[in-house]
Protein backbone atom coordinates (compact mmCIF):
# COMPACT_ATOMS: atom_id res chain seq x y z
CA UNK A 1 11.19 14.21 -13.73
CA UNK A 2 10.32 16.75 -11.01
CA UNK A 3 12.23 17.20 -8.14
CA UNK A 4 11.60 19.63 -5.02
CA UNK A 5 12.23 19.35 -1.58
CA UNK A 6 11.17 16.94 0.86
CA UNK A 7 11.11 18.24 4.40
CA UNK A 8 14.32 16.63 6.03
CA UNK A 9 17.27 18.21 4.01
CA UNK A 10 18.30 21.79 5.39
CA UNK A 11 20.55 22.94 2.51
CA UNK A 12 17.71 24.85 0.26
CA UNK A 13 18.66 23.78 -3.69
CA UNK A 14 19.09 26.23 -6.17
CA UNK A 15 16.37 27.06 -8.50
CA UNK A 16 16.15 28.90 -12.23
CA UNK A 17 13.99 29.59 -14.53
CA UNK A 18 14.41 28.61 -18.42
CA UNK A 19 12.45 29.54 -21.23
CA UNK A 20 10.99 26.90 -23.65
CA UNK A 21 12.07 27.68 -27.01
CA UNK A 22 9.55 25.17 -28.73
CA UNK A 23 6.69 27.24 -26.49
CA UNK A 24 6.43 31.07 -26.49
CA UNK A 25 4.93 31.48 -23.17
CA UNK A 26 6.53 28.28 -21.71
CA UNK A 27 9.13 27.85 -19.09
CA UNK A 28 11.19 25.49 -17.32
CA UNK A 29 11.67 25.48 -13.57
CA UNK A 30 15.08 23.86 -12.68
CA UNK A 31 15.98 22.72 -9.12
CA UNK A 32 19.83 21.61 -8.71
CA UNK A 33 20.10 21.24 -12.30
CA UNK A 34 17.53 18.68 -12.43
CA UNK A 35 14.37 19.64 -14.41
CA UNK A 36 11.50 19.94 -11.95
CA UNK A 37 8.40 21.59 -13.81
CA UNK A 38 7.20 22.48 -17.19
CA UNK A 39 4.59 25.63 -17.27
CA UNK A 40 2.75 27.07 -20.50
CA UNK A 41 1.56 30.33 -18.98
CA UNK A 42 -0.95 31.20 -22.13
CA UNK A 43 -2.40 27.35 -21.82
CA UNK A 44 -2.65 25.84 -18.10
CA UNK A 45 -4.14 23.05 -19.93
CA UNK A 46 -1.08 21.73 -21.48
CA UNK A 47 1.03 19.26 -19.94
CA UNK A 48 4.66 18.72 -21.21
CA UNK A 49 5.99 15.69 -18.81
CA UNK A 50 5.05 12.66 -19.93
CA UNK A 51 4.10 11.56 -16.22
CA UNK A 52 2.27 14.70 -15.41
CA UNK A 53 0.15 14.04 -18.65
CA UNK A 54 -1.04 10.60 -17.28
CA UNK A 55 -1.81 12.43 -13.56
CA UNK A 56 -3.95 14.63 -15.44
CA UNK A 57 -5.71 11.93 -17.15
CA UNK A 58 -6.33 10.28 -14.14
CA UNK A 59 -7.93 13.81 -12.77
CA UNK A 60 -10.20 13.72 -16.23
CA UNK A 61 -11.21 10.02 -15.85
CA UNK A 62 -11.38 9.63 -11.95
CA UNK A 63 -14.12 12.28 -11.28
CA UNK A 64 -17.28 13.64 -12.99
CA UNK A 65 -16.13 15.39 -16.03
CA UNK A 66 -15.31 19.27 -15.23
CA UNK A 67 -16.82 18.90 -11.80
CA UNK A 68 -15.16 20.77 -9.09
CA UNK A 69 -12.56 18.47 -6.68
CA UNK A 70 -10.69 19.38 -3.41
CA UNK A 71 -7.19 18.73 -4.15
CA UNK A 72 -3.66 18.69 -2.12
CA UNK A 73 -0.85 18.77 -3.88
CA UNK A 74 2.40 17.59 -1.64
CA UNK A 75 5.59 19.32 -3.85
CA UNK A 76 4.10 22.51 -4.89
CA UNK A 77 6.93 23.27 -7.88
CA UNK A 78 5.43 25.70 -10.58
CA UNK A 79 2.00 24.35 -9.75
CA UNK A 80 1.54 22.69 -13.24
CA UNK A 81 -0.93 20.18 -12.19
CA UNK A 82 -2.86 22.72 -9.87
CA UNK A 83 -3.09 24.79 -12.86
CA UNK A 84 -4.50 22.03 -14.75
CA UNK A 85 -6.85 21.12 -12.55
CA UNK A 86 -8.20 25.14 -12.31
CA UNK A 87 -8.13 25.45 -15.62
CA UNK A 88 -10.61 22.10 -16.58
CA UNK A 89 -12.09 22.22 -13.34
CA UNK A 90 -13.11 25.78 -12.40
CA UNK A 91 -14.31 26.17 -8.87
CA UNK A 92 -12.25 23.54 -7.65
CA UNK A 93 -10.19 23.80 -4.21
CA UNK A 94 -6.80 23.19 -4.06
CA UNK A 95 -3.73 23.40 -1.46
CA UNK A 96 -0.22 22.86 -2.38
CA UNK A 97 3.35 22.72 -0.08
CA UNK A 98 6.56 23.07 -0.55
CA UNK A 99 9.50 23.35 1.90
CA UNK A 100 11.42 25.46 -0.41
CA UNK A 101 10.64 29.48 0.05
CA UNK A 102 12.74 30.47 -2.78
CA UNK A 103 10.81 28.38 -5.37
CA UNK A 104 7.89 29.41 -4.19
CA UNK A 105 8.89 32.97 -4.30
CA UNK A 106 10.47 32.50 -7.86
CA UNK A 107 6.80 30.91 -9.03
CA UNK A 108 4.71 33.72 -7.24
CA UNK A 109 7.15 36.30 -9.10
CA UNK A 110 8.05 34.84 -12.46
CA UNK A 111 5.11 32.21 -13.27
CA UNK A 112 1.93 34.26 -11.35
CA UNK A 113 -1.36 31.54 -11.44
CA UNK A 114 -5.07 33.07 -11.71
CA UNK A 115 -5.40 34.37 -8.19
CA UNK A 116 -9.30 34.13 -8.58
CA UNK A 117 -8.71 30.46 -8.20
CA UNK A 118 -9.21 29.00 -5.07
CA UNK A 119 -5.21 27.83 -4.86
CA UNK A 120 -3.29 28.66 -1.43
CA UNK A 121 0.45 27.61 -1.70
CA UNK A 122 2.28 27.21 1.58
CA UNK A 123 5.86 26.00 2.94
CA UNK A 124 6.51 23.51 5.29
CA UNK A 125 7.40 19.87 5.71
CA UNK A 126 4.89 17.80 3.24
CA UNK A 127 4.44 14.84 5.52
CA UNK A 128 3.79 17.08 8.42
CA UNK A 129 1.62 19.38 6.41
CA UNK A 130 -0.53 16.41 5.59
CA UNK A 131 -0.79 15.20 8.97
CA UNK A 132 -2.35 18.42 10.14
CA UNK A 133 -5.24 18.15 7.22
CA UNK A 134 -8.85 17.12 8.27
CA UNK A 135 -10.02 13.54 7.83
CA UNK A 136 -11.84 13.00 4.57
CA UNK A 137 -11.38 16.98 3.31
CA UNK A 138 -9.85 15.93 -0.40
CA UNK A 139 -10.46 14.20 -3.62
CA UNK A 140 -7.11 14.08 -4.84
CA UNK A 141 -3.56 13.93 -3.27
CA UNK A 142 -0.77 13.92 -5.45
CA UNK A 143 2.60 13.28 -4.25
CA UNK A 144 5.43 14.59 -6.09
CA UNK A 145 8.30 15.40 -3.63
CA UNK A 146 11.85 15.14 -4.37
CA UNK A 147 14.71 16.26 -2.74
CA UNK A 148 17.14 16.83 -5.43
CA UNK A 149 15.99 13.94 -7.64
CA UNK A 150 14.90 11.50 -5.40
CA UNK A 151 11.92 10.90 -3.42
CA UNK A 152 12.41 11.12 0.71
CA UNK A 153 12.13 8.06 2.89
CA UNK A 154 9.42 9.22 4.97
CA UNK A 155 7.10 9.78 2.08
CA UNK A 156 7.53 6.12 0.77
CA UNK A 157 5.77 4.23 3.69
CA UNK A 158 2.77 2.75 4.49
CA UNK A 159 2.45 5.08 7.36
CA UNK A 160 2.49 7.94 4.97
CA UNK A 161 0.03 6.54 2.68
CA UNK A 162 -2.27 5.39 5.24
CA UNK A 163 -2.39 9.34 6.41
CA UNK A 164 -3.40 10.08 2.62
CA UNK A 165 -5.93 7.64 2.54
CA UNK A 166 -7.27 9.20 5.92
CA UNK A 167 -7.20 13.06 4.35
CA UNK A 168 -9.44 11.25 1.05
CA UNK A 169 -13.21 11.51 1.03
CA UNK A 170 -14.28 7.59 0.55
CA UNK A 171 -13.09 7.14 -3.27
CA UNK A 172 -10.49 9.32 -3.74
CA UNK A 173 -7.36 9.12 -5.12
CA UNK A 174 -3.60 9.26 -4.35
CA UNK A 175 -1.53 9.68 -7.25
CA UNK A 176 2.24 9.40 -6.84
CA UNK A 177 5.36 10.06 -8.92
CA UNK A 178 7.99 7.28 -8.17
CA UNK A 179 11.37 7.54 -10.06
CA UNK A 180 13.30 4.34 -10.79
CA UNK A 181 15.22 2.06 -13.07
CA UNK A 182 17.03 -1.25 -13.73
CA UNK A 183 16.02 -3.84 -11.62
CA UNK A 184 12.96 -1.83 -10.10
CA UNK A 185 13.05 -2.68 -6.61
CA UNK A 186 12.11 0.45 -5.15
CA UNK A 187 8.84 1.04 -7.57
CA UNK A 188 8.09 -2.73 -6.71
CA UNK A 189 8.23 -2.16 -3.53
CA UNK A 190 6.08 1.49 -3.56
CA UNK A 191 3.22 -0.73 -5.55
CA UNK A 192 3.31 -3.12 -2.65
CA UNK A 193 3.31 -0.26 -0.27
CA UNK A 194 -0.13 1.40 -1.67
CA UNK A 195 -1.32 -2.24 -2.26
CA UNK A 196 -1.08 -2.45 1.65
CA UNK A 197 -3.45 0.53 1.90
CA UNK A 198 -5.64 0.85 -0.93
CA UNK A 199 -8.29 -1.59 -2.48
CA UNK A 200 -7.12 -0.60 -5.63
CA UNK A 201 -4.03 0.19 -7.28
CA UNK A 202 -2.81 0.74 -10.89
CA UNK A 203 0.87 1.94 -12.40
CA UNK A 204 1.43 3.86 -15.17
CA UNK A 205 4.76 3.83 -17.04
CA UNK A 206 6.48 3.45 -20.50
CA UNK A 207 7.50 0.33 -22.11
CA UNK A 208 10.71 0.15 -21.77
CA UNK A 209 10.53 1.85 -18.20
CA UNK A 210 8.72 -0.92 -17.06
CA UNK A 211 11.05 -3.25 -18.50
CA UNK A 212 14.27 -1.40 -16.41
CA UNK A 213 15.62 -0.50 -19.63
CA UNK A 214 16.23 3.07 -18.82
CA UNK A 215 15.63 5.20 -15.57
CA UNK A 216 12.02 6.83 -15.97
CA UNK A 217 8.70 8.01 -13.94
CA UNK A 218 6.26 5.55 -12.91
CA UNK A 219 2.67 6.99 -11.87
CA UNK A 220 1.21 4.39 -8.50
CA UNK A 221 -2.42 5.62 -8.26
CA UNK A 222 -4.11 4.23 -4.73
CA UNK A 223 -8.31 4.66 -4.26
CA UNK A 224 -10.87 2.56 -2.10
CA UNK A 225 -12.41 2.58 -5.18
CA UNK A 226 -12.13 0.83 -8.73
CA UNK A 227 -10.41 2.95 -10.78
CA UNK A 228 -10.46 3.68 -14.41
CA UNK A 229 -8.22 1.35 -15.74
CA UNK A 230 -9.78 0.52 -19.00
CA UNK A 231 -9.81 4.22 -19.89
CA UNK A 232 -6.85 5.03 -18.91
CA UNK A 233 -5.09 2.43 -20.59
CA UNK A 234 -6.63 3.99 -23.68
CA UNK A 235 -5.20 7.22 -23.21
CA UNK A 236 -1.88 5.74 -22.20
CA UNK A 237 -1.86 4.15 -25.55
CA UNK A 238 -2.78 7.75 -27.70
CA UNK A 239 -0.45 9.41 -25.96
CA UNK A 240 2.74 10.74 -27.79
CA UNK A 241 5.14 8.75 -25.50
CA UNK A 242 2.79 5.56 -25.38
CA UNK A 243 2.40 4.06 -21.90
CA UNK A 244 1.28 1.00 -20.55
CA UNK A 245 -1.42 0.25 -17.13
CA UNK A 246 -0.89 -2.27 -15.07
CA UNK A 247 -3.53 -2.98 -12.41
CA UNK A 248 -4.85 -6.48 -10.99
CA UNK A 249 -3.46 -9.64 -11.60
CA UNK A 250 -0.84 -7.91 -13.98
CA UNK A 251 0.45 -5.58 -11.36
CA UNK A 252 0.63 -8.17 -8.55
CA UNK A 253 3.16 -10.00 -11.59
CA UNK A 254 4.98 -6.84 -11.89
CA UNK A 255 5.45 -6.42 -7.77
CA UNK A 256 6.50 -9.86 -7.41
CA UNK A 257 6.51 -10.18 -3.98
CA UNK A 258 8.21 -7.08 -3.06
CA UNK A 259 7.39 -6.14 0.48
CA UNK A 260 5.81 -3.16 1.70
CA UNK A 261 7.57 -0.40 3.01
CA UNK A 262 7.41 0.84 6.70
CA UNK A 263 8.94 3.99 8.32
CA UNK A 264 11.24 1.67 10.16
CA UNK A 265 12.66 0.30 7.00
CA UNK A 266 11.78 3.22 4.50
CA UNK A 267 14.89 4.87 2.29
CA UNK A 268 15.21 7.29 -0.26
CA UNK A 269 14.39 6.53 -3.58
CA UNK A 270 17.39 5.53 -6.09
CA UNK A 271 19.01 8.55 -7.51
CA UNK A 272 18.93 8.73 -11.33
CA UNK A 273 21.96 8.36 -13.29
CA UNK A 274 23.84 11.19 -14.12
CA UNK A 275 23.08 11.94 -17.55
CA UNK A 276 18.93 10.93 -17.51
CA UNK A 277 17.78 14.37 -18.02
CA UNK A 278 20.37 15.31 -21.07
CA UNK A 279 18.86 16.19 -24.30
């Protein structure tokens, strides 16, 4: 699971790099001891984390193959998905933001990306940064902002996702990484929240996570045009860590009447169990 600054927290978390023993040029970015990003410098199209693979499938299927897109990444991390877009869709215009300057500095120095790509990375509060983007200026908005291992409340509301929708071109896609477990109250509310903003929504997660048997990552998708749910389902079933895709009536049953989240009632996402990242 990714984890990085969300804007409301003043203490800058500790960041460090660990080499992945299984892949020669791969690194794991840790934030306060939580796995945040995985990067293979020799193969930027390689995606290790399950939820990143699922967002990668969305990028592959939601837009014309190989075509350029304009992407905004809220939560820069080690720029795993931005590198993937640059490798699979050359010429794409990408912008990313993170509120941890030390993290950005470490990534620039130790995990450099191809500077010929149109990718700019800035420091700041994700919601404030998004509010300054022009309307209809992006095809993809990725929301992957964590403080420690929790999503800050300010990035969980109808008002926040409505601003993401404002920034998206008609037919653009918003993809959010959501962590939850057990009773799944948070992710159900998040699905209802995206449903209050976008005409079409979908959710992707592993079966055990969907049942609340273990804490894990959910990918929530929102768009004003139909999502490629059938193709996503086929991809998710073929993944090494198989996942399910919920949309339409199936997603409505999962939401089970949960209320959409507003700024006035928003709270941080639940903290994962202490042993959730143990290997």
